[in-house]
């Protein structure tokens, strides 16, 4: 069976959502941190508020466009590589934040958690910036981690800075809030 054809041919997310909203409008459909949305709310005008997409973009051609970025592998499996809003545009290149995060975990076993974001930068547009939480009792040197990443990543993908933190902001379900990290540190390259 061709998995890619099976995935695409079997579901139409827009139609499915509309049918569910009609039959169970008050049932919980989406939980995003502290926010909860019923099927009716999710199907209606609030989609643009939840995902920041215009309605005609969010539901185009009967499909819900979530902003996920991915590809079909040679084996027909759908691989998600990142969220469109988390792709960092630096020096004319697009960099998937998740690729840099995976490289950080692979480069240093003392990393408990990391999140990589693009922060405003005068020269690069966005500077790749890694926020790293060391494992309890461990110490990580930012310069050493950057040097290790230079061996694993193309030069333009290496973070301009590694910022060591005690914890990362999370939703009630434990998801790291990249938007909060970006907001709280948006002036980092102006100040430093």
Protein backbone atom coordinates (compact mmCIF):
# COMPACT_ATOMS: atom_id res chain seq x y z
CA UNK A 1 0.00 0.00 0.00
CA UNK A 2 1.29 3.48 -0.86
CA UNK A 3 1.27 5.25 2.51
CA UNK A 4 1.43 8.79 1.05
CA UNK A 5 -1.58 8.15 -1.20
CA UNK A 6 -3.41 6.45 1.68
CA UNK A 7 -2.87 9.41 4.03
CA UNK A 8 -3.99 11.99 1.51
CA UNK A 9 -6.86 9.99 0.04
CA UNK A 10 -8.54 9.04 3.31
CA UNK A 11 -9.03 12.29 5.17
CA UNK A 12 -10.25 15.73 4.42
CA UNK A 13 -9.61 17.66 7.60
CA UNK A 14 -11.81 20.63 6.72
CA UNK A 15 -14.87 18.47 5.97
CA UNK A 16 -14.26 16.29 9.01
CA UNK A 17 -13.99 19.31 11.30
CA UNK A 18 -17.17 20.85 9.91
CA UNK A 19 -19.12 17.59 10.41
CA UNK A 20 -17.84 17.18 13.96
CA UNK A 21 -18.60 20.81 14.80
CA UNK A 22 -22.17 20.30 13.61
CA UNK A 23 -22.73 17.10 15.60
CA UNK A 24 -20.76 17.94 18.77
CA UNK A 25 -20.26 21.71 18.85
CA UNK A 26 -19.50 21.96 22.59
CA UNK A 27 -17.07 19.04 22.79
CA UNK A 28 -13.46 19.93 23.55
CA UNK A 29 -11.42 19.94 20.32
CA UNK A 30 -8.13 21.73 20.97
CA UNK A 31 -6.01 22.39 24.03
CA UNK A 32 -3.13 24.80 23.52
CA UNK A 33 -1.50 25.59 26.84
CA UNK A 34 -4.11 27.34 28.94
CA UNK A 35 -6.47 27.83 26.01
CA UNK A 36 -9.28 25.37 25.26
CA UNK A 37 -11.54 25.43 22.22
CA UNK A 38 -14.72 23.56 21.40
CA UNK A 39 -15.27 22.14 17.93
CA UNK A 40 -17.61 25.02 17.14
CA UNK A 41 -15.02 27.60 18.20
CA UNK A 42 -12.22 25.81 16.38
CA UNK A 43 -14.29 25.51 13.22
CA UNK A 44 -15.38 29.14 13.36
CA UNK A 45 -13.75 32.50 13.34
CA UNK A 46 -11.37 31.73 16.22
CA UNK A 47 -9.17 29.59 14.00
CA UNK A 48 -7.51 32.78 12.87
CA UNK A 49 -6.88 33.76 16.50
CA UNK A 50 -5.55 30.33 17.48
CA UNK A 51 -3.09 29.93 14.65
CA UNK A 52 -2.67 33.49 13.37
CA UNK A 53 -3.73 32.49 9.86
CA UNK A 54 -6.37 34.25 7.76
CA UNK A 55 -9.49 32.08 7.41
CA UNK A 56 -9.02 31.61 3.66
CA UNK A 57 -5.45 30.44 4.31
CA UNK A 58 -6.25 28.23 7.30
CA UNK A 59 -8.92 26.31 5.37
CA UNK A 60 -7.98 26.32 1.70
CA UNK A 61 -9.23 23.69 -0.74
CA UNK A 62 -10.88 21.67 2.04
CA UNK A 63 -7.68 21.22 4.04
CA UNK A 64 -6.56 22.77 7.29
CA UNK A 65 -3.16 24.41 6.81
CA UNK A 66 -1.50 24.18 10.20
CA UNK A 67 1.86 25.68 9.30
CA UNK A 68 3.72 22.39 9.70
CA UNK A 69 6.68 21.90 7.36
CA UNK A 70 7.64 18.44 6.20
CA UNK A 71 8.19 16.05 3.34
CA UNK A 72 7.35 12.55 2.16
CA UNK A 73 10.36 10.24 2.44
CA UNK A 74 11.31 7.66 -0.17
CA UNK A 75 9.42 5.09 1.92
CA UNK A 76 6.21 7.16 1.69
CA UNK A 77 6.29 8.20 5.35
CA UNK A 78 5.35 11.80 6.09
CA UNK A 79 8.14 13.47 8.10
CA UNK A 80 7.48 16.74 9.93
CA UNK A 81 10.60 18.91 10.11
CA UNK A 82 9.35 22.04 11.85
CA UNK A 83 6.61 24.62 12.13
CA UNK A 84 6.66 27.33 9.46
CA UNK A 85 6.64 30.02 12.16
CA UNK A 86 9.71 28.41 13.80
CA UNK A 87 11.84 28.38 10.65
CA UNK A 88 14.62 30.91 11.19
CA UNK A 89 15.45 33.28 8.34
CA UNK A 90 19.09 34.20 8.77
CA UNK A 91 21.36 35.86 6.24
CA UNK A 92 19.15 34.86 3.31
CA UNK A 93 18.93 31.20 4.41
CA UNK A 94 16.07 29.28 6.01
CA UNK A 95 17.05 27.09 8.95
CA UNK A 96 14.77 24.59 10.68
CA UNK A 97 15.05 25.24 14.40
CA UNK A 98 14.46 21.57 15.16
CA UNK A 99 17.56 20.59 13.15
CA UNK A 100 19.73 22.82 15.34
CA UNK A 101 18.02 21.52 18.50
CA UNK A 102 18.76 17.91 17.50
CA UNK A 103 22.39 18.82 16.86
CA UNK A 104 22.66 20.39 20.33
CA UNK A 105 21.35 17.23 22.01
CA UNK A 106 23.75 15.13 19.93
CA UNK A 107 26.73 17.41 20.63
CA UNK A 108 26.53 17.43 24.41
CA UNK A 109 24.92 14.79 26.66
CA UNK A 110 24.85 17.30 29.52
CA UNK A 111 21.96 19.17 27.84
CA UNK A 112 18.65 18.52 29.60
CA UNK A 113 16.56 20.78 27.36
CA UNK A 114 17.08 23.23 24.56
CA UNK A 115 15.07 25.51 22.37
CA UNK A 116 16.35 27.35 19.32
CA UNK A 117 14.76 30.55 18.05
CA UNK A 118 15.55 33.38 15.69
CA UNK A 119 16.02 36.71 17.44
CA UNK A 120 16.05 40.08 15.65
CA UNK A 121 19.50 40.98 14.42
CA UNK A 122 20.58 44.02 12.40
CA UNK A 123 22.97 42.10 10.12
CA UNK A 124 21.38 38.64 9.87
CA UNK A 125 17.68 39.61 10.04
CA UNK A 126 17.30 36.81 12.58
CA UNK A 127 20.19 35.35 14.56
CA UNK A 128 19.99 31.68 15.46
CA UNK A 129 20.01 31.62 19.25
CA UNK A 130 20.01 28.53 21.48
CA UNK A 131 18.66 28.49 25.02
CA UNK A 132 20.06 25.54 26.94
CA UNK A 133 19.15 24.01 30.30
CA UNK A 134 21.98 21.84 31.65
CA UNK A 135 21.16 18.58 33.41
CA UNK A 136 21.17 18.87 37.24
CA UNK A 137 24.71 19.14 38.58
CA UNK A 138 26.22 19.66 35.11
CA UNK A 139 28.04 22.70 33.75
CA UNK A 140 28.13 23.64 30.08
CA UNK A 141 30.39 26.23 28.50
CA UNK A 142 28.61 28.14 25.72
CA UNK A 143 31.79 28.50 23.65
CA UNK A 144 32.55 24.79 23.82
CA UNK A 145 29.02 23.91 22.72
CA UNK A 146 29.25 26.31 19.78
CA UNK A 147 32.59 24.76 18.78
CA UNK A 148 31.04 21.28 18.90
CA UNK A 149 28.12 22.47 16.76
CA UNK A 150 30.52 23.83 14.12
CA UNK A 151 31.58 20.22 13.57
CA UNK A 152 27.98 19.03 13.13
CA UNK A 153 26.22 21.84 11.26
CA UNK A 154 26.79 24.03 8.23
CA UNK A 155 28.32 27.34 9.34
CA UNK A 156 25.14 29.35 8.73
CA UNK A 157 23.16 27.00 11.01
CA UNK A 158 25.42 27.36 14.05
CA UNK A 159 23.86 29.54 16.77
CA UNK A 160 25.32 33.04 17.13
CA UNK A 161 24.80 32.64 20.88
CA UNK A 162 24.11 29.92 23.41
CA UNK A 163 22.30 31.24 26.46
CA UNK A 164 22.34 29.02 29.54
CA UNK A 165 19.13 29.14 31.58
CA UNK A 166 17.72 27.32 34.60
CA UNK A 167 14.40 26.55 32.91
CA UNK A 168 12.35 27.22 29.81
CA UNK A 169 8.79 28.60 29.78
CA UNK A 170 6.23 25.84 29.19
CA UNK A 171 2.53 25.37 28.71
CA UNK A 172 0.46 23.44 31.23
CA UNK A 173 1.03 20.35 29.08
CA UNK A 174 4.82 20.75 29.17
CA UNK A 175 5.38 22.16 25.67
CA UNK A 176 8.17 24.74 25.46
CA UNK A 177 6.76 28.14 24.55
CA UNK A 178 9.04 29.40 21.79
CA UNK A 179 6.92 32.50 21.38
CA UNK A 180 7.58 33.47 25.01
CA UNK A 181 11.32 32.87 24.62
CA UNK A 182 11.37 35.05 21.47
CA UNK A 183 9.37 37.79 23.16
CA UNK A 184 11.37 37.86 26.40
CA UNK A 185 14.72 37.99 24.58
CA UNK A 186 13.81 40.02 21.48
CA UNK A 187 16.29 42.79 22.39
CA UNK A 188 19.21 40.45 23.15
CA UNK A 189 21.34 41.48 20.16
CA UNK A 190 20.53 45.18 20.61
CA UNK A 191 21.79 45.11 24.20
CA UNK A 192 24.65 42.65 23.95
